């Protein structure tokens, strides 16, 4: 039964246009991707 709820919860992401989990949508949180700045060539 628990596995069915987990699968249902994961499939609910497919219904959200931003591909967020329901708990993230309700909490107002968002996953963002950031690129780190490149290090200078001298290694400092």
C-alpha atoms as a PDB file:
ATOM      1  CA  UNK A   1       0.000   0.000   0.000  1.00  0.00           C
ATOM      2  CA  UNK A   2       2.827   2.376   0.875  1.00  0.00           C
ATOM      3  CA  UNK A   3       4.542   1.677  -2.420  1.00  0.00           C
ATOM      4  CA  UNK A   4       1.355   2.600  -4.284  1.00  0.00           C
ATOM      5  CA  UNK A   5       1.244   5.999  -2.538  1.00  0.00           C
ATOM      6  CA  UNK A   6       4.912   6.641  -3.313  1.00  0.00           C
ATOM      7  CA  UNK A   7       4.346   5.832  -6.983  1.00  0.00           C
ATOM      8  CA  UNK A   8       1.228   8.005  -7.082  1.00  0.00           C
ATOM      9  CA  UNK A   9       3.140  10.884  -5.450  1.00  0.00           C
ATOM     10  CA  UNK A  10       5.952  10.549  -8.009  1.00  0.00           C
ATOM     11  CA  UNK A  11       3.539  10.376 -10.944  1.00  0.00           C
ATOM     12  CA  UNK A  12       1.862  13.583  -9.768  1.00  0.00           C
ATOM     13  CA  UNK A  13       5.014  15.415 -10.882  1.00  0.00           C
ATOM     14  CA  UNK A  14       4.048  14.654 -14.474  1.00  0.00           C
ATOM     15  CA  UNK A  15       0.877  16.727 -14.042  1.00  0.00           C
ATOM     16  CA  UNK A  16       2.742  19.836 -12.877  1.00  0.00           C
ATOM     17  CA  UNK A  17       3.991  22.089 -15.704  1.00  0.00           C
ATOM     18  CA  UNK A  18       7.116  23.060 -13.706  1.00  0.00           C
ATOM     19  CA  UNK A  19       7.825  19.374 -12.865  1.00  0.00           C
ATOM     20  CA  UNK A  20       7.736  20.076  -9.129  1.00  0.00           C
ATOM     21  CA  UNK A  21       6.552  17.719  -6.427  1.00  0.00           C
ATOM     22  CA  UNK A  22       3.290  18.683  -4.744  1.00  0.00           C
ATOM     23  CA  UNK A  23       5.030  19.394  -1.437  1.00  0.00           C
ATOM     24  CA  UNK A  24       7.430  21.800  -3.190  1.00  0.00           C
ATOM     25  CA  UNK A  25       4.522  23.554  -4.877  1.00  0.00           C
ATOM     26  CA  UNK A  26       2.636  23.920  -1.586  1.00  0.00           C
ATOM     27  CA  UNK A  27       5.716  25.154   0.293  1.00  0.00           C
ATOM     28  CA  UNK A  28       6.662  27.581  -2.466  1.00  0.00           C
ATOM     29  CA  UNK A  29      10.129  26.080  -2.859  1.00  0.00           C
ATOM     30  CA  UNK A  30      11.866  25.553  -6.174  1.00  0.00           C
ATOM     31  CA  UNK A  31      14.905  23.615  -7.314  1.00  0.00           C
ATOM     32  CA  UNK A  32      17.285  25.788  -9.303  1.00  0.00           C
ATOM     33  CA  UNK A  33      20.410  24.916 -11.232  1.00  0.00           C
ATOM     34  CA  UNK A  34      23.440  27.135 -10.825  1.00  0.00           C
ATOM     35  CA  UNK A  35      26.799  26.988 -12.545  1.00  0.00           C
ATOM     36  CA  UNK A  36      29.858  27.844 -10.506  1.00  0.00           C
ATOM     37  CA  UNK A  37      32.167  30.521 -11.829  1.00  0.00           C
ATOM     38  CA  UNK A  38      35.293  29.175 -13.482  1.00  0.00           C
ATOM     39  CA  UNK A  39      38.461  29.384 -11.409  1.00  0.00           C
ATOM     40  CA  UNK A  40      41.260  31.614 -12.677  1.00  0.00           C
ATOM     41  CA  UNK A  41      44.073  29.859 -14.538  1.00  0.00           C
ATOM     42  CA  UNK A  42      46.646  30.657 -11.810  1.00  0.00           C
ATOM     43  CA  UNK A  43      44.727  28.462  -9.331  1.00  0.00           C
ATOM     44  CA  UNK A  44      43.931  31.172  -6.775  1.00  0.00           C
END
